[in-house]
Amino acid sequence: MRKHEKPAIALRRGKNGLTTPLIRATYKSNEADEVGMELRQLRYFQAAAEELHFQRAARRVNLSQPALSHQIKRLEEEVGIILIDRSRNHAALTPAGEAFLVRAREILAACDAALREARDIGGAEPEVLRIGYVEFLNLGAVARSIAAFRAADPNRKVEQRDLHSAEAYAALKEREIDVGFGILPVTHPTLKFRKVAAGWWGLIVPEGHAWAERESITLAELDGTPLILFDRTLNPPLYDAWMARFAEAGIAPNIVFTTKQVQTALTMAQDGSGLFLVASYIVKPLPAGFHLLRLTGFDNQIAVGAAWHEDNKTRLLADYLALLRAQL
């Protein structure tokens, strides 16, 4: 059995000015035998070991799949044993890998706790995750992930900005926010994204309405129908796209009200003021007393995603994206 000394932890300053904890544990079977590993390698291993799917694990830690595979291979070379048994279509932890995962989790948890305690004692400014998100999207996964992020470390704060899709993507390109939520696709080459929700456009009608028993309705049938729509300020390009869609269909929309609040639209639909045109994921689950009809007559698919800048390699963002993924 190898005897080992206590791990030494140092901070290495990278090109971006950030410091990276460097853990070096020295195992002695002879005077020349030494194994060194970085904290980030343990995080990469943890992701790969928990996912057992290198593509998913790579997305989780914001790396390319080849880069993650290289890091795992490098770690195994340093340890001197295979930790993850990999084949073309399968990955599984070896017995050594299972044991290593237990200790890796302990080390990572201890380091995170040490950083929190040091910041508390030193009175460091809290880390702030900047999010671009419009509440109207009503995405449960986003609300849960933000709550989990705050609960995981009270020293980390969330700054939420009301930004529609185009604004969020522009802010990401300028590095003004860390993550933004908006309509997919994301076309800018410097931005990465993960789909958070998908659905279709529908029409909410109250129970007892003449259309309540139907499953779908054509766009043409909406001509003259009192409609409730999201306010243009929530997403001007999307609102304008809807106006263009109506025009192409030869429809003069009878929009009786626009709103920034989902509940307001539902209340007005319930009392007969109009029918609520909305993306299906926004009203999921559908409240009792309503029916959702799918609109037909056009390419009716819509998806929302979380986007971030490809150069944002911060632990802050990586931790949040992992929590978001756990809620999907």
C-alpha atoms as a PDB file:
ATOM      1  CA  MET A   1       0.000   0.000   0.000  1.00  0.00           C
ATOM      2  CA  ARG A   2       1.294   3.427  -0.926  1.00  0.00           C
ATOM      3  CA  LYS A   3       2.035   5.937   1.753  1.00  0.00           C
ATOM      4  CA  HIS A   4       1.051   9.479   0.920  1.00  0.00           C
ATOM      5  CA  GLU A   5       1.538  12.947   2.187  1.00  0.00           C
ATOM      6  CA  LYS A   6      -1.202  15.536   2.665  1.00  0.00           C
ATOM      7  CA  PRO A   7      -2.289  17.246  -0.563  1.00  0.00           C
ATOM      8  CA  ALA A   8      -0.783  20.641  -1.233  1.00  0.00           C
ATOM      9  CA  ILE A   9      -3.052  23.311  -2.690  1.00  0.00           C
ATOM     10  CA  ALA A  10      -1.691  26.277  -4.595  1.00  0.00           C
ATOM     11  CA  LEU A  11      -3.252  28.934  -6.799  1.00  0.00           C
ATOM     12  CA  ARG A  12      -2.033  29.222 -10.376  1.00  0.00           C
ATOM     13  CA  ARG A  13      -2.820  32.404 -12.281  1.00  0.00           C
ATOM     14  CA  GLY A  14      -4.031  31.828 -15.828  1.00  0.00           C
ATOM     15  CA  LYS A  15      -3.940  34.063 -18.902  1.00  0.00           C
ATOM     16  CA  ASN A  16      -7.368  35.432 -18.093  1.00  0.00           C
ATOM     17  CA  GLY A  17      -6.191  36.659 -14.697  1.00  0.00           C
ATOM     18  CA  LEU A  18      -8.217  34.076 -12.804  1.00  0.00           C
ATOM     19  CA  THR A  19      -6.619  31.776 -10.294  1.00  0.00           C
ATOM     20  CA  THR A  20      -7.038  28.036 -10.607  1.00  0.00           C
ATOM     21  CA  PRO A  21      -6.632  25.784  -7.567  1.00  0.00           C
ATOM     22  CA  LEU A  22      -3.902  23.243  -8.199  1.00  0.00           C
ATOM     23  CA  ILE A  23      -4.052  20.145  -6.041  1.00  0.00           C
ATOM     24  CA  ARG A  24      -0.885  18.127  -5.900  1.00  0.00           C
ATOM     25  CA  ALA A  25      -0.840  14.949  -3.883  1.00  0.00           C
ATOM     26  CA  THR A  26       2.479  13.128  -3.627  1.00  0.00           C
ATOM     27  CA  TYR A  27       2.321   9.352  -3.353  1.00  0.00           C
ATOM     28  CA  LYS A  28       5.601   7.701  -2.403  1.00  0.00           C
ATOM     29  CA  SER A  29       6.521   4.246  -3.502  1.00  0.00           C
ATOM     30  CA  ASN A  30       9.992   5.568  -4.205  1.00  0.00           C
ATOM     31  CA  GLU A  31      11.628   8.987  -4.177  1.00  0.00           C
ATOM     32  CA  ALA A  32      10.796   9.690  -7.857  1.00  0.00           C
ATOM     33  CA  ASP A  33       7.100   8.684  -7.828  1.00  0.00           C
ATOM     34  CA  GLU A  34       4.815  11.715  -7.881  1.00  0.00           C
ATOM     35  CA  VAL A  35       1.244  12.249  -9.118  1.00  0.00           C
ATOM     36  CA  GLY A  36      -0.137  15.746  -9.654  1.00  0.00           C
ATOM     37  CA  MET A  37      -3.625  16.687 -10.718  1.00  0.00           C
ATOM     38  CA  GLU A  38      -5.635  19.863 -11.074  1.00  0.00           C
ATOM     39  CA  LEU A  39      -8.975  20.529  -9.485  1.00  0.00           C
ATOM     40  CA  ARG A  40     -10.607  21.005 -12.853  1.00  0.00           C
ATOM     41  CA  GLN A  41      -9.572  17.475 -13.836  1.00  0.00           C
ATOM     42  CA  LEU A  42     -11.578  16.144 -10.900  1.00  0.00           C
ATOM     43  CA  ARG A  43     -14.593  18.166 -12.051  1.00  0.00           C
ATOM     44  CA  TYR A  44     -14.234  16.782 -15.554  1.00  0.00           C
ATOM     45  CA  PHE A  45     -13.960  13.263 -14.196  1.00  0.00           C
ATOM     46  CA  GLN A  46     -17.002  13.754 -11.959  1.00  0.00           C
ATOM     47  CA  ALA A  47     -19.096  14.890 -14.935  1.00  0.00           C
ATOM     48  CA  ALA A  48     -17.961  11.967 -17.086  1.00  0.00           C
ATOM     49  CA  ALA A  49     -18.439   9.464 -14.256  1.00  0.00           C
ATOM     50  CA  GLU A  50     -21.934  10.679 -13.420  1.00  0.00           C
ATOM     51  CA  GLU A  51     -23.138  11.004 -17.006  1.00  0.00           C
ATOM     52  CA  LEU A  52     -21.348   7.948 -18.442  1.00  0.00           C
ATOM     53  CA  HIS A  53     -21.872   9.670 -21.771  1.00  0.00           C
ATOM     54  CA  PHE A  54     -18.991  11.824 -22.976  1.00  0.00           C
ATOM     55  CA  GLN A  55     -21.054  14.114 -25.181  1.00  0.00           C
ATOM     56  CA  ARG A  56     -23.465  14.987 -22.370  1.00  0.00           C
ATOM     57  CA  ALA A  57     -20.607  15.320 -19.894  1.00  0.00           C
ATOM     58  CA  ALA A  58     -18.732  17.648 -22.260  1.00  0.00           C
ATOM     59  CA  ARG A  59     -21.774  19.920 -22.554  1.00  0.00           C
ATOM     60  CA  ARG A  60     -22.090  19.902 -18.774  1.00  0.00           C
ATOM     61  CA  VAL A  61     -18.539  21.229 -18.240  1.00  0.00           C
ATOM     62  CA  ASN A  62     -18.565  23.453 -21.330  1.00  0.00           C
ATOM     63  CA  LEU A  63     -15.911  21.541 -23.265  1.00  0.00           C
ATOM     64  CA  SER A  64     -15.802  19.820 -26.617  1.00  0.00           C
ATOM     65  CA  GLN A  65     -16.068  16.031 -26.464  1.00  0.00           C
ATOM     66  CA  PRO A  66     -12.482  15.463 -27.729  1.00  0.00           C
ATOM     67  CA  ALA A  67     -11.158  17.916 -25.125  1.00  0.00           C
ATOM     68  CA  LEU A  68     -12.983  16.115 -22.332  1.00  0.00           C
ATOM     69  CA  SER A  69     -11.739  12.720 -23.530  1.00  0.00           C
ATOM     70  CA  HIS A  70      -8.198  14.107 -23.555  1.00  0.00           C
ATOM     71  CA  GLN A  71      -8.549  15.380 -19.991  1.00  0.00           C
ATOM     72  CA  ILE A  72      -9.856  12.032 -18.736  1.00  0.00           C
ATOM     73  CA  LYS A  73      -7.060  10.176 -20.506  1.00  0.00           C
ATOM     74  CA  ARG A  74      -4.501  12.562 -19.030  1.00  0.00           C
ATOM     75  CA  LEU A  75      -5.946  12.027 -15.539  1.00  0.00           C
ATOM     76  CA  GLU A  76      -5.809   8.244 -15.971  1.00  0.00           C
ATOM     77  CA  GLU A  77      -2.186   8.492 -17.094  1.00  0.00           C
ATOM     78  CA  GLU A  78      -1.321  10.517 -14.010  1.00  0.00           C
ATOM     79  CA  VAL A  79      -3.155   8.137 -11.684  1.00  0.00           C
ATOM     80  CA  GLY A  80      -1.750   5.136 -13.504  1.00  0.00           C
ATOM     81  CA  ILE A  81      -4.993   3.183 -13.863  1.00  0.00           C
ATOM     82  CA  ILE A  82      -8.112   3.111 -16.026  1.00  0.00           C
ATOM     83  CA  LEU A  83     -11.006   4.868 -14.286  1.00  0.00           C
ATOM     84  CA  ILE A  84     -13.659   4.730 -17.022  1.00  0.00           C
ATOM     85  CA  ASP A  85     -13.947   1.723 -19.295  1.00  0.00           C
ATOM     86  CA  ARG A  86     -14.850   3.155 -22.705  1.00  0.00           C
ATOM     87  CA  SER A  87     -16.030   1.421 -25.846  1.00  0.00           C
ATOM     88  CA  ARG A  88     -17.653   2.765 -29.013  1.00  0.00           C
ATOM     89  CA  ASN A  89     -21.171   2.756 -27.574  1.00  0.00           C
ATOM     90  CA  HIS A  90     -20.670   2.300 -23.857  1.00  0.00           C
ATOM     91  CA  ALA A  91     -18.922   3.812 -20.861  1.00  0.00           C
ATOM     92  CA  ALA A  92     -18.745   2.339 -17.361  1.00  0.00           C
ATOM     93  CA  LEU A  93     -16.775   3.019 -14.216  1.00  0.00           C
ATOM     94  CA  THR A  94     -14.129   0.503 -13.290  1.00  0.00           C
ATOM     95  CA  PRO A  95     -13.948  -0.540  -9.610  1.00  0.00           C
ATOM     96  CA  ALA A  96     -11.044   1.899  -9.251  1.00  0.00           C
ATOM     97  CA  GLY A  97     -13.148   4.579 -10.946  1.00  0.00           C
ATOM     98  CA  GLU A  98     -16.017   4.047  -8.515  1.00  0.00           C
ATOM     99  CA  ALA A  99     -13.694   4.470  -5.559  1.00  0.00           C
ATOM    100  CA  PHE A 100     -12.008   7.474  -7.169  1.00  0.00           C
ATOM    101  CA  LEU A 101     -15.401   9.156  -7.755  1.00  0.00           C
ATOM    102  CA  VAL A 102     -16.248   8.940  -4.044  1.00  0.00           C
ATOM    103  CA  ARG A 103     -12.993  10.673  -3.082  1.00  0.00           C
ATOM    104  CA  ALA A 104     -13.230  13.192  -5.938  1.00  0.00           C
ATOM    105  CA  ARG A 105     -16.648  14.295  -4.714  1.00  0.00           C
ATOM    106  CA  GLU A 106     -15.294  14.697  -1.194  1.00  0.00           C
ATOM    107  CA  ILE A 107     -12.349  16.790  -2.412  1.00  0.00           C
ATOM    108  CA  LEU A 108     -14.520  19.022  -4.582  1.00  0.00           C
ATOM    109  CA  ALA A 109     -17.033  19.545  -1.784  1.00  0.00           C
ATOM    110  CA  ALA A 110     -14.215  20.383   0.653  1.00  0.00           C
ATOM    111  CA  CYS A 111     -12.656  22.876  -1.756  1.00  0.00           C
ATOM    112  CA  ASP A 112     -16.011  24.549  -2.398  1.00  0.00           C
ATOM    113  CA  ALA A 113     -16.596  24.798   1.344  1.00  0.00           C
ATOM    114  CA  ALA A 114     -13.107  26.244   1.858  1.00  0.00           C
ATOM    115  CA  LEU A 115     -13.703  28.924  -0.764  1.00  0.00           C
ATOM    116  CA  ARG A 116     -17.042  29.884   0.795  1.00  0.00           C
ATOM    117  CA  GLU A 117     -15.550  30.093   4.290  1.00  0.00           C
ATOM    118  CA  ALA A 118     -12.582  32.141   3.087  1.00  0.00           C
ATOM    119  CA  ARG A 119     -14.860  34.589   1.304  1.00  0.00           C
ATOM    120  CA  ASP A 120     -17.083  34.876   4.354  1.00  0.00           C
ATOM    121  CA  ILE A 121     -14.149  35.588   6.653  1.00  0.00           C
ATOM    122  CA  GLY A 122     -12.445  37.934   4.218  1.00  0.00           C
ATOM    123  CA  GLY A 123     -15.636  39.851   3.425  1.00  0.00           C
ATOM    124  CA  ALA A 124     -15.245  39.220  -0.301  1.00  0.00           C
ATOM    125  CA  GLU A 125     -17.805  40.626  -2.678  1.00  0.00           C
ATOM    126  CA  PRO A 126     -20.357  37.963  -3.675  1.00  0.00           C
ATOM    127  CA  GLU A 127     -20.089  36.394  -7.102  1.00  0.00           C
ATOM    128  CA  VAL A 128     -22.927  37.546  -9.339  1.00  0.00           C
ATOM    129  CA  LEU A 129     -24.511  35.476 -12.086  1.00  0.00           C
ATOM    130  CA  ARG A 130     -26.088  37.813 -14.646  1.00  0.00           C
ATOM    131  CA  ILE A 131     -29.148  36.358 -16.345  1.00  0.00           C
ATOM    132  CA  GLY A 132     -31.224  37.762 -19.199  1.00  0.00           C
ATOM    133  CA  TYR A 133     -34.743  36.401 -18.827  1.00  0.00           C
ATOM    134  CA  VAL A 134     -38.300  37.609 -19.392  1.00  0.00           C
ATOM    135  CA  GLU A 135     -40.700  36.334 -16.721  1.00  0.00           C
ATOM    136  CA  PHE A 136     -43.454  35.885 -19.305  1.00  0.00           C
ATOM    137  CA  LEU A 137     -41.617  32.790 -20.549  1.00  0.00           C
ATOM    138  CA  ASN A 138     -42.840  31.139 -17.345  1.00  0.00           C
ATOM    139  CA  LEU A 139     -40.262  28.342 -17.468  1.00  0.00           C
ATOM    140  CA  GLY A 140     -40.357  26.211 -14.340  1.00  0.00           C
ATOM    141  CA  ALA A 141     -36.886  24.804 -15.001  1.00  0.00           C
ATOM    142  CA  VAL A 142     -35.402  28.296 -14.951  1.00  0.00           C
ATOM    143  CA  ALA A 143     -37.110  29.266 -11.698  1.00  0.00           C
ATOM    144  CA  ARG A 144     -36.048  25.991 -10.034  1.00  0.00           C
ATOM    145  CA  SER A 145     -32.452  26.253 -11.260  1.00  0.00           C
ATOM    146  CA  ILE A 146     -32.115  29.821  -9.972  1.00  0.00           C
ATOM    147  CA  ALA A 147     -33.503  28.761  -6.587  1.00  0.00           C
ATOM    148  CA  ALA A 148     -31.078  25.808  -6.464  1.00  0.00           C
ATOM    149  CA  PHE A 149     -28.174  28.073  -7.451  1.00  0.00           C
ATOM    150  CA  ARG A 150     -28.945  30.486  -4.619  1.00  0.00           C
ATOM    151  CA  ALA A 151     -29.425  27.687  -2.106  1.00  0.00           C
ATOM    152  CA  ALA A 152     -26.138  25.977  -3.030  1.00  0.00           C
ATOM    153  CA  ASP A 153     -24.054  28.997  -2.042  1.00  0.00           C
ATOM    154  CA  PRO A 154     -25.553  32.015  -0.252  1.00  0.00           C
ATOM    155  CA  ASN A 155     -22.485  34.047  -1.254  1.00  0.00           C
ATOM    156  CA  ARG A 156     -23.508  33.808  -4.882  1.00  0.00           C
ATOM    157  CA  LYS A 157     -26.094  36.252  -6.141  1.00  0.00           C
ATOM    158  CA  VAL A 158     -28.313  36.346  -9.211  1.00  0.00           C
ATOM    159  CA  GLU A 159     -28.870  39.544 -11.145  1.00  0.00           C
ATOM    160  CA  GLN A 160     -31.837  39.136 -13.466  1.00  0.00           C
ATOM    161  CA  ARG A 161     -32.389  41.519 -16.361  1.00  0.00           C
ATOM    162  CA  ASP A 162     -35.559  41.804 -18.431  1.00  0.00           C
ATOM    163  CA  LEU A 163     -34.150  41.085 -21.889  1.00  0.00           C
ATOM    164  CA  HIS A 164     -36.031  39.593 -24.818  1.00  0.00           C
ATOM    165  CA  SER A 165     -34.292  37.158 -27.160  1.00  0.00           C
ATOM    166  CA  ALA A 166     -32.506  39.652 -29.422  1.00  0.00           C
ATOM    167  CA  GLU A 167     -31.446  41.800 -26.465  1.00  0.00           C
ATOM    168  CA  ALA A 168     -30.178  38.795 -24.518  1.00  0.00           C
ATOM    169  CA  TYR A 169     -28.124  37.483 -27.430  1.00  0.00           C
ATOM    170  CA  ALA A 170     -26.672  40.951 -28.052  1.00  0.00           C
ATOM    171  CA  ALA A 171     -25.785  41.274 -24.351  1.00  0.00           C
ATOM    172  CA  LEU A 172     -24.092  37.873 -24.437  1.00  0.00           C
ATOM    173  CA  LYS A 173     -21.962  38.840 -27.405  1.00  0.00           C
ATOM    174  CA  GLU A 174     -20.789  41.903 -25.480  1.00  0.00           C
ATOM    175  CA  ARG A 175     -20.254  39.787 -22.326  1.00  0.00           C
ATOM    176  CA  GLU A 176     -22.735  41.963 -20.409  1.00  0.00           C
ATOM    177  CA  ILE A 177     -24.566  38.899 -19.061  1.00  0.00           C
ATOM    178  CA  ASP A 178     -23.524  35.301 -18.374  1.00  0.00           C
ATOM    179  CA  VAL A 179     -26.555  33.432 -19.651  1.00  0.00           C
ATOM    180  CA  GLY A 180     -29.604  34.515 -21.611  1.00  0.00           C
ATOM    181  CA  PHE A 181     -32.882  32.823 -22.450  1.00  0.00           C
ATOM    182  CA  GLY A 182     -34.605  33.318 -25.779  1.00  0.00           C
ATOM    183  CA  ILE A 183     -36.201  31.882 -28.873  1.00  0.00           C
ATOM    184  CA  LEU A 184     -34.097  29.380 -30.803  1.00  0.00           C
ATOM    185  CA  PRO A 185     -32.196  29.098 -33.029  1.00  0.00           C
ATOM    186  CA  VAL A 186     -29.142  31.030 -31.883  1.00  0.00           C
ATOM    187  CA  THR A 187     -27.202  31.890 -35.010  1.00  0.00           C
ATOM    188  CA  HIS A 188     -24.220  33.901 -33.750  1.00  0.00           C
ATOM    189  CA  PRO A 189     -21.039  31.774 -34.015  1.00  0.00           C
ATOM    190  CA  THR A 190     -19.650  32.816 -30.611  1.00  0.00           C
ATOM    191  CA  LEU A 191     -22.743  31.694 -28.688  1.00  0.00           C
ATOM    192  CA  LYS A 192     -23.513  28.207 -27.443  1.00  0.00           C
ATOM    193  CA  PHE A 193     -26.963  27.105 -26.389  1.00  0.00           C
ATOM    194  CA  ARG A 194     -29.005  24.358 -24.770  1.00  0.00           C
ATOM    195  CA  LYS A 195     -32.695  23.805 -25.478  1.00  0.00           C
ATOM    196  CA  VAL A 196     -34.816  24.374 -22.388  1.00  0.00           C
ATOM    197  CA  ALA A 197     -38.375  24.060 -23.691  1.00  0.00           C
ATOM    198  CA  ALA A 198     -40.175  23.331 -26.945  1.00  0.00           C
ATOM    199  CA  GLY A 199     -43.769  23.518 -28.047  1.00  0.00           C
ATOM    200  CA  TRP A 200     -46.192  25.079 -30.474  1.00  0.00           C
ATOM    201  CA  TRP A 201     -48.484  28.072 -30.751  1.00  0.00           C
ATOM    202  CA  GLY A 202     -51.985  27.550 -29.468  1.00  0.00           C
ATOM    203  CA  LEU A 203     -55.200  29.286 -28.544  1.00  0.00           C
ATOM    204  CA  ILE A 204     -56.514  29.100 -25.000  1.00  0.00           C
ATOM    205  CA  VAL A 205     -60.305  28.982 -24.725  1.00  0.00           C
ATOM    206  CA  PRO A 206     -62.364  28.651 -21.532  1.00  0.00           C
ATOM    207  CA  GLU A 207     -64.632  25.714 -20.759  1.00  0.00           C
ATOM    208  CA  GLY A 208     -68.024  26.156 -22.386  1.00  0.00           C
ATOM    209  CA  HIS A 209     -66.632  27.998 -25.410  1.00  0.00           C
ATOM    210  CA  ALA A 210     -67.859  26.843 -28.827  1.00  0.00           C
ATOM    211  CA  TRP A 211     -64.353  25.668 -29.705  1.00  0.00           C
ATOM    212  CA  ALA A 212     -63.629  23.975 -26.372  1.00  0.00           C
ATOM    213  CA  GLU A 213     -64.095  20.445 -27.755  1.00  0.00           C
ATOM    214  CA  ARG A 214     -61.724  20.940 -30.654  1.00  0.00           C
ATOM    215  CA  GLU A 215     -58.053  19.948 -30.710  1.00  0.00           C
ATOM    216  CA  SER A 216     -56.887  22.418 -33.353  1.00  0.00           C
ATOM    217  CA  ILE A 217     -57.938  25.491 -35.277  1.00  0.00           C
ATOM    218  CA  THR A 218     -56.691  27.098 -38.475  1.00  0.00           C
ATOM    219  CA  LEU A 219     -55.129  30.527 -38.550  1.00  0.00           C
ATOM    220  CA  ALA A 220     -57.805  31.704 -40.985  1.00  0.00           C
ATOM    221  CA  GLU A 221     -60.541  30.962 -38.438  1.00  0.00           C
ATOM    222  CA  LEU A 222     -59.103  33.628 -36.128  1.00  0.00           C
ATOM    223  CA  ASP A 223     -60.185  36.424 -38.481  1.00  0.00           C
ATOM    224  CA  GLY A 224     -62.279  38.818 -36.410  1.00  0.00           C
ATOM    225  CA  THR A 225     -61.896  36.791 -33.196  1.00  0.00           C
ATOM    226  CA  PRO A 226     -61.043  38.897 -30.100  1.00  0.00           C
ATOM    227  CA  LEU A 227     -57.463  37.966 -29.217  1.00  0.00           C
ATOM    228  CA  ILE A 228     -55.193  38.495 -26.230  1.00  0.00           C
ATOM    229  CA  LEU A 229     -51.505  38.583 -27.143  1.00  0.00           C
ATOM    230  CA  PHE A 230     -48.187  39.083 -25.379  1.00  0.00           C
ATOM    231  CA  ASP A 231     -47.117  42.718 -25.191  1.00  0.00           C
ATOM    232  CA  ARG A 232     -44.814  43.819 -27.980  1.00  0.00           C
ATOM    233  CA  THR A 233     -42.212  45.115 -25.523  1.00  0.00           C
ATOM    234  CA  LEU A 234     -41.603  41.532 -24.342  1.00  0.00           C
ATOM    235  CA  ASN A 235     -40.232  40.552 -27.737  1.00  0.00           C
ATOM    236  CA  PRO A 236     -40.623  43.075 -30.591  1.00  0.00           C
ATOM    237  CA  PRO A 237     -39.223  40.787 -33.340  1.00  0.00           C
ATOM    238  CA  LEU A 238     -41.548  37.941 -32.337  1.00  0.00           C
ATOM    239  CA  TYR A 239     -44.580  40.224 -32.089  1.00  0.00           C
ATOM    240  CA  ASP A 240     -43.808  41.711 -35.508  1.00  0.00           C
ATOM    241  CA  ALA A 241     -43.413  38.197 -36.930  1.00  0.00           C
ATOM    242  CA  TRP A 242     -46.942  37.432 -35.758  1.00  0.00           C
ATOM    243  CA  MET A 243     -48.293  40.575 -37.402  1.00  0.00           C
ATOM    244  CA  ALA A 244     -46.579  39.538 -40.640  1.00  0.00           C
ATOM    245  CA  ARG A 245     -48.044  36.039 -40.327  1.00  0.00           C
ATOM    246  CA  PHE A 246     -51.529  37.467 -39.952  1.00  0.00           C
ATOM    247  CA  ALA A 247     -50.981  39.708 -42.969  1.00  0.00           C
ATOM    248  CA  GLU A 248     -49.759  36.801 -45.103  1.00  0.00           C
ATOM    249  CA  ALA A 249     -52.898  34.860 -44.179  1.00  0.00           C
ATOM    250  CA  GLY A 250     -55.083  37.822 -45.127  1.00  0.00           C
ATOM    251  CA  ILE A 251     -56.242  38.301 -41.540  1.00  0.00           C
ATOM    252  CA  ALA A 252     -56.867  41.595 -39.766  1.00  0.00           C
ATOM    253  CA  PRO A 253     -56.283  40.517 -36.150  1.00  0.00           C
ATOM    254  CA  ASN A 254     -58.739  41.790 -33.578  1.00  0.00           C
ATOM    255  CA  ILE A 255     -56.286  42.223 -30.707  1.00  0.00           C
ATOM    256  CA  VAL A 256     -58.292  43.470 -27.754  1.00  0.00           C
ATOM    257  CA  PHE A 257     -55.469  43.405 -25.204  1.00  0.00           C
ATOM    258  CA  THR A 258     -51.727  42.826 -24.921  1.00  0.00           C
ATOM    259  CA  THR A 259     -50.155  41.883 -21.617  1.00  0.00           C
ATOM    260  CA  LYS A 260     -46.879  41.151 -19.846  1.00  0.00           C
ATOM    261  CA  GLN A 261     -48.544  38.785 -17.375  1.00  0.00           C
ATOM    262  CA  VAL A 262     -49.737  35.262 -18.148  1.00  0.00           C
ATOM    263  CA  GLN A 263     -52.241  35.304 -15.295  1.00  0.00           C
ATOM    264  CA  THR A 264     -53.818  38.517 -16.599  1.00  0.00           C
ATOM    265  CA  ALA A 265     -54.352  36.926 -19.992  1.00  0.00           C
ATOM    266  CA  LEU A 266     -55.902  33.812 -18.415  1.00  0.00           C
ATOM    267  CA  THR A 267     -58.253  35.907 -16.279  1.00  0.00           C
ATOM    268  CA  MET A 268     -59.417  37.861 -19.311  1.00  0.00           C
ATOM    269  CA  ALA A 269     -59.912  34.671 -21.315  1.00  0.00           C
ATOM    270  CA  GLN A 270     -61.926  33.209 -18.457  1.00  0.00           C
ATOM    271  CA  ASP A 271     -64.307  36.178 -18.319  1.00  0.00           C
ATOM    272  CA  GLY A 272     -64.829  36.157 -22.087  1.00  0.00           C
ATOM    273  CA  SER A 273     -62.808  39.236 -23.034  1.00  0.00           C
ATOM    274  CA  GLY A 274     -60.840  37.343 -25.666  1.00  0.00           C
ATOM    275  CA  LEU A 275     -58.919  34.181 -26.499  1.00  0.00           C
ATOM    276  CA  PHE A 276     -55.281  33.906 -25.467  1.00  0.00           C
ATOM    277  CA  LEU A 277     -52.748  33.213 -28.235  1.00  0.00           C
ATOM    278  CA  VAL A 278     -49.701  31.714 -26.544  1.00  0.00           C
ATOM    279  CA  ALA A 279     -46.838  29.222 -26.870  1.00  0.00           C
ATOM    280  CA  SER A 280     -47.777  25.888 -25.295  1.00  0.00           C
ATOM    281  CA  TYR A 281     -44.748  25.683 -22.964  1.00  0.00           C
ATOM    282  CA  ILE A 282     -45.765  28.949 -21.277  1.00  0.00           C
ATOM    283  CA  VAL A 283     -48.985  27.387 -19.941  1.00  0.00           C
ATOM    284  CA  LYS A 284     -47.616  23.994 -18.980  1.00  0.00           C
ATOM    285  CA  PRO A 285     -49.354  22.552 -17.074  1.00  0.00           C
ATOM    286  CA  LEU A 286     -52.571  24.086 -18.381  1.00  0.00           C
ATOM    287  CA  PRO A 287     -54.681  25.501 -15.550  1.00  0.00           C
ATOM    288  CA  ALA A 288     -58.058  23.902 -14.884  1.00  0.00           C
ATOM    289  CA  GLY A 289     -60.994  25.427 -16.689  1.00  0.00           C
ATOM    290  CA  PHE A 290     -59.206  25.954 -20.000  1.00  0.00           C
ATOM    291  CA  HIS A 291     -58.537  24.120 -23.247  1.00  0.00           C
ATOM    292  CA  LEU A 292     -55.547  24.656 -25.532  1.00  0.00           C
ATOM    293  CA  LEU A 293     -56.123  24.329 -29.269  1.00  0.00           C
ATOM    294  CA  ARG A 294     -53.189  23.883 -31.610  1.00  0.00           C
ATOM    295  CA  LEU A 295     -52.977  26.423 -34.419  1.00  0.00           C
ATOM    296  CA  THR A 296     -52.527  25.027 -37.918  1.00  0.00           C
ATOM    297  CA  GLY A 297     -51.836  26.436 -41.360  1.00  0.00           C
ATOM    298  CA  PHE A 298     -48.177  27.365 -40.805  1.00  0.00           C
ATOM    299  CA  ASP A 299     -44.917  25.852 -39.548  1.00  0.00           C
ATOM    300  CA  ASN A 300     -45.969  25.701 -35.935  1.00  0.00           C
ATOM    301  CA  GLN A 301     -42.915  24.877 -33.871  1.00  0.00           C
ATOM    302  CA  ILE A 302     -41.125  27.021 -31.316  1.00  0.00           C
ATOM    303  CA  ALA A 303     -38.314  26.382 -28.866  1.00  0.00           C
ATOM    304  CA  VAL A 304     -36.571  28.343 -26.134  1.00  0.00           C
ATOM    305  CA  GLY A 305     -33.006  27.853 -25.021  1.00  0.00           C
ATOM    306  CA  ALA A 306     -30.315  29.039 -22.657  1.00  0.00           C
ATOM    307  CA  ALA A 307     -27.369  30.658 -24.417  1.00  0.00           C
ATOM    308  CA  TRP A 308     -23.913  31.708 -23.274  1.00  0.00           C
ATOM    309  CA  HIS A 309     -20.685  32.983 -24.781  1.00  0.00           C
ATOM    310  CA  GLU A 310     -18.250  30.264 -25.807  1.00  0.00           C
ATOM    311  CA  ASP A 311     -15.377  32.099 -24.098  1.00  0.00           C
ATOM    312  CA  ASN A 312     -17.144  32.167 -20.742  1.00  0.00           C
ATOM    313  CA  LYS A 313     -15.313  29.379 -18.904  1.00  0.00           C
ATOM    314  CA  THR A 314     -16.124  30.539 -15.383  1.00  0.00           C
ATOM    315  CA  ARG A 315     -17.006  28.080 -12.669  1.00  0.00           C
ATOM    316  CA  LEU A 316     -19.985  30.305 -11.861  1.00  0.00           C
ATOM    317  CA  LEU A 317     -21.578  29.666 -15.254  1.00  0.00           C
ATOM    318  CA  ALA A 318     -20.636  25.977 -15.322  1.00  0.00           C
ATOM    319  CA  ASP A 319     -22.274  25.411 -11.943  1.00  0.00           C
ATOM    320  CA  TYR A 320     -25.464  27.158 -13.007  1.00  0.00           C
ATOM    321  CA  LEU A 321     -25.709  25.263 -16.297  1.00  0.00           C
ATOM    322  CA  ALA A 322     -25.305  21.976 -14.414  1.00  0.00           C
ATOM    323  CA  LEU A 323     -28.180  22.949 -12.104  1.00  0.00           C
ATOM    324  CA  LEU A 324     -30.304  24.030 -15.061  1.00  0.00           C
ATOM    325  CA  ARG A 325     -29.679  20.751 -16.850  1.00  0.00           C
ATOM    326  CA  ALA A 326     -30.751  18.827 -13.734  1.00  0.00           C
ATOM    327  CA  GLN A 327     -34.128  20.566 -13.907  1.00  0.00           C
ATOM    328  CA  LEU A 328     -34.851  19.718 -17.550  1.00  0.00           C
END
